[in-house]
Amino acid sequence: MTETLSGRAVDAERFRQALAVHAAGVVVVTAQVEGMPVGLTATSFSSVSLTPPLVSFYVDQSSTTWPWLRQADHFAVNVLASDQAEVASRFARKGVDRFAAPTSWTPGHLGVPLLEGVSAHLICAPHSTVDIGDHVLVVGLVIDTSLEPGGRPLLYHQGRFGRFIPHP
């Protein structure tokens, strides 16, 4: 960003406050690297393209999980269900074994760790990454999916997890 544009940018706290009013879905991205499961929580998940089927998420460049995750041949996007706030919190914490009990998971297709009880799994092959600001944009090619019919999503809004309630 040029000096002229960066001088016009809103400060980080004001930006964070404005974004907090936008509800976001919550996912946990998991992979297996050197025989060890790794994973992190993301609220920046979105679809990118239908043809080819691409999805994306952002990860902080200072993430201690990212150096491991970026080495994976495949990763899973676990779309969390409305009752999985504790799973989201666990995968956002530092210094804990995220895959230890009470986390329930199984090795899935291609050895990718799949969390149990989620609304959907999207198995992805890495497509591309781009450094943007203080984050990395990660794009994955979806090669397989599994869905739990009728699942309700976990949402993140104003710093808290919540549930989706359909409009009557």
Protein backbone atom coordinates (compact mmCIF):
# COMPACT_ATOMS: atom_id res chain seq x y z
CA MET A 1 0.00 0.00 0.00
CA THR A 2 1.39 3.41 -0.84
CA GLU A 3 2.15 5.88 1.95
CA THR A 4 -0.73 8.09 0.78
CA LEU A 5 -3.31 5.30 1.11
CA SER A 6 -1.99 3.93 4.42
CA GLY A 7 -2.27 7.40 5.92
CA ARG A 8 -5.99 7.33 5.13
CA ALA A 9 -6.67 3.96 6.80
CA VAL A 10 -8.83 3.75 9.91
CA ASP A 11 -6.98 2.69 13.09
CA ALA A 12 -6.93 -1.01 14.01
CA GLU A 13 -9.27 -0.78 17.03
CA ARG A 14 -11.94 1.15 15.12
CA PHE A 15 -11.64 -1.36 12.27
CA ARG A 16 -12.00 -4.30 14.71
CA GLN A 17 -15.13 -2.71 16.24
CA ALA A 18 -16.72 -2.23 12.82
CA LEU A 19 -16.02 -5.83 11.79
CA ALA A 20 -17.45 -7.18 15.06
CA VAL A 21 -20.99 -6.35 13.93
CA HIS A 22 -20.63 -8.74 10.98
CA ALA A 23 -21.61 -12.29 11.91
CA ALA A 24 -19.25 -14.91 10.50
CA GLY A 25 -19.38 -18.68 10.26
CA VAL A 26 -16.77 -20.62 12.21
CA VAL A 27 -14.55 -23.38 10.84
CA VAL A 28 -11.59 -25.37 12.08
CA VAL A 29 -8.97 -26.11 9.44
CA THR A 30 -7.13 -29.39 10.09
CA ALA A 31 -4.29 -31.29 8.44
CA GLN A 32 -1.74 -33.96 9.18
CA VAL A 33 1.93 -33.10 8.86
CA GLU A 34 4.74 -35.54 9.63
CA GLY A 35 2.20 -37.86 11.25
CA MET A 36 0.90 -35.17 13.64
CA PRO A 37 -2.52 -33.50 13.44
CA VAL A 38 -2.56 -29.69 13.32
CA GLY A 39 -5.46 -27.28 13.23
CA LEU A 40 -6.70 -23.75 13.81
CA THR A 41 -9.97 -21.85 14.11
CA ALA A 42 -10.95 -19.41 11.35
CA THR A 43 -13.88 -17.05 10.95
CA SER A 44 -12.63 -15.73 7.62
CA PHE A 45 -13.77 -18.76 5.59
CA SER A 46 -15.58 -18.19 2.28
CA SER A 47 -16.28 -19.70 -1.10
CA VAL A 48 -14.19 -18.36 -3.96
CA SER A 49 -15.30 -20.15 -7.12
CA LEU A 50 -17.72 -22.86 -8.25
CA THR A 51 -15.67 -23.84 -11.31
CA PRO A 52 -13.17 -24.90 -10.15
CA PRO A 53 -14.52 -25.42 -6.61
CA LEU A 54 -12.33 -23.13 -4.49
CA VAL A 55 -12.61 -21.96 -0.88
CA SER A 56 -10.47 -19.62 1.17
CA PHE A 57 -9.55 -18.56 4.68
CA TYR A 58 -7.06 -16.16 6.19
CA VAL A 59 -4.46 -16.99 8.82
CA ASP A 60 -2.38 -14.54 10.84
CA GLN A 61 1.24 -14.54 9.71
CA SER A 62 2.30 -14.85 13.36
CA SER A 63 0.32 -18.10 13.78
CA THR A 64 2.43 -20.90 15.24
CA THR A 65 0.20 -23.44 13.43
CA TRP A 66 0.57 -21.92 9.96
CA PRO A 67 4.19 -23.10 9.35
CA TRP A 68 2.95 -26.68 9.89
CA LEU A 69 -0.33 -26.33 8.05
CA ARG A 70 1.34 -24.85 4.97
CA GLN A 71 3.36 -28.08 4.54
CA ALA A 72 0.27 -30.28 4.26
CA ASP A 73 -0.62 -32.01 0.99
CA HIS A 74 -4.33 -31.80 1.94
CA PHE A 75 -6.41 -30.06 4.58
CA ALA A 76 -9.98 -30.22 5.83
CA VAL A 77 -12.31 -27.35 6.51
CA ASN A 78 -14.56 -28.52 9.34
CA VAL A 79 -17.70 -26.34 9.33
CA LEU A 80 -18.63 -26.21 13.00
CA ALA A 81 -22.14 -26.92 14.22
CA SER A 82 -23.99 -24.59 16.58
CA ASP A 83 -23.11 -26.67 19.66
CA GLN A 84 -19.34 -26.61 19.02
CA ALA A 85 -18.30 -23.29 20.57
CA GLU A 86 -15.88 -25.11 22.89
CA VAL A 87 -14.22 -26.78 19.88
CA ALA A 88 -13.77 -23.37 18.25
CA SER A 89 -12.28 -21.96 21.45
CA ARG A 90 -9.95 -24.93 21.88
CA PHE A 91 -8.52 -24.64 18.37
CA ALA A 92 -8.01 -20.90 18.87
CA ARG A 93 -5.96 -21.39 22.09
CA LYS A 94 -2.21 -21.59 22.22
CA GLY A 95 -0.28 -24.11 24.25
CA VAL A 96 -2.90 -26.90 24.36
CA ASP A 97 -3.14 -30.23 22.60
CA ARG A 98 -6.09 -29.32 20.39
CA PHE A 99 -6.71 -32.93 19.36
CA ALA A 100 -6.68 -34.43 22.88
CA ALA A 101 -9.93 -35.27 24.68
CA PRO A 102 -12.54 -33.88 24.72
CA THR A 103 -11.93 -33.24 20.99
CA SER A 104 -13.51 -36.06 18.95
CA TRP A 105 -11.93 -36.71 15.57
CA THR A 106 -10.98 -39.48 13.17
CA PRO A 107 -8.44 -39.74 10.37
CA GLY A 108 -10.37 -39.23 7.17
CA HIS A 109 -9.73 -39.60 3.48
CA LEU A 110 -6.02 -39.02 2.76
CA GLY A 111 -5.27 -39.09 6.51
CA VAL A 112 -6.69 -35.63 7.09
CA PRO A 113 -8.10 -35.25 10.64
CA LEU A 114 -11.89 -34.83 10.55
CA LEU A 115 -13.68 -33.40 13.57
CA GLU A 116 -16.81 -35.24 14.62
CA GLY A 117 -20.21 -33.59 14.99
CA VAL A 118 -19.59 -30.85 12.41
CA SER A 119 -22.10 -29.63 9.82
CA ALA A 120 -19.77 -30.36 6.89
CA HIS A 121 -16.26 -31.39 5.90
CA LEU A 122 -14.55 -29.99 2.83
CA ILE A 123 -11.35 -31.85 1.92
CA CYS A 124 -9.01 -29.58 0.00
CA ALA A 125 -5.75 -29.63 -1.88
CA PRO A 126 -3.69 -26.45 -1.52
CA HIS A 127 -4.28 -24.17 -4.50
CA SER A 128 -2.52 -20.89 -3.70
CA THR A 129 -1.44 -18.53 -0.95
CA VAL A 130 -0.92 -14.78 -0.97
CA ASP A 131 0.57 -12.59 1.76
CA ILE A 132 -1.87 -9.74 2.38
CA GLY A 133 -1.20 -7.26 5.17
CA ASP A 134 -0.54 -9.17 8.40
CA HIS A 135 -2.34 -12.29 7.14
CA VAL A 136 -1.95 -15.04 4.55
CA LEU A 137 -4.84 -15.75 2.17
CA VAL A 138 -5.06 -19.53 1.73
CA VAL A 139 -7.06 -20.93 -1.19
CA GLY A 140 -7.92 -24.61 -1.43
CA LEU A 141 -9.33 -26.75 -4.24
CA VAL A 142 -12.22 -28.79 -2.82
CA ILE A 143 -11.74 -32.45 -3.79
CA ASP A 144 -14.35 -34.07 -1.51
CA THR A 145 -17.17 -33.13 0.86
CA SER A 146 -19.42 -34.70 3.45
CA LEU A 147 -22.55 -33.09 4.85
CA GLU A 148 -24.68 -33.53 7.94
CA PRO A 149 -28.24 -32.77 6.82
CA GLY A 150 -30.07 -30.16 8.89
CA GLY A 151 -26.94 -28.97 10.65
CA ARG A 152 -27.04 -25.45 12.09
CA PRO A 153 -23.87 -23.33 11.90
CA LEU A 154 -21.85 -21.86 14.73
CA LEU A 155 -21.57 -18.09 14.31
CA TYR A 156 -19.13 -15.52 15.65
CA HIS A 157 -20.48 -12.03 16.39
CA GLN A 158 -19.18 -9.19 18.58
CA GLY A 159 -16.51 -11.40 20.11
CA ARG A 160 -18.91 -14.20 21.08
CA PHE A 161 -20.13 -17.48 19.63
CA GLY A 162 -23.82 -17.90 18.89
CA ARG A 163 -26.39 -19.85 16.93
CA PHE A 164 -28.36 -19.16 13.80
CA ILE A 165 -32.12 -18.76 14.23
CA PRO A 166 -34.03 -18.79 10.93
CA HIS A 167 -36.38 -15.92 10.24
CA PRO A 168 -40.03 -17.11 10.39
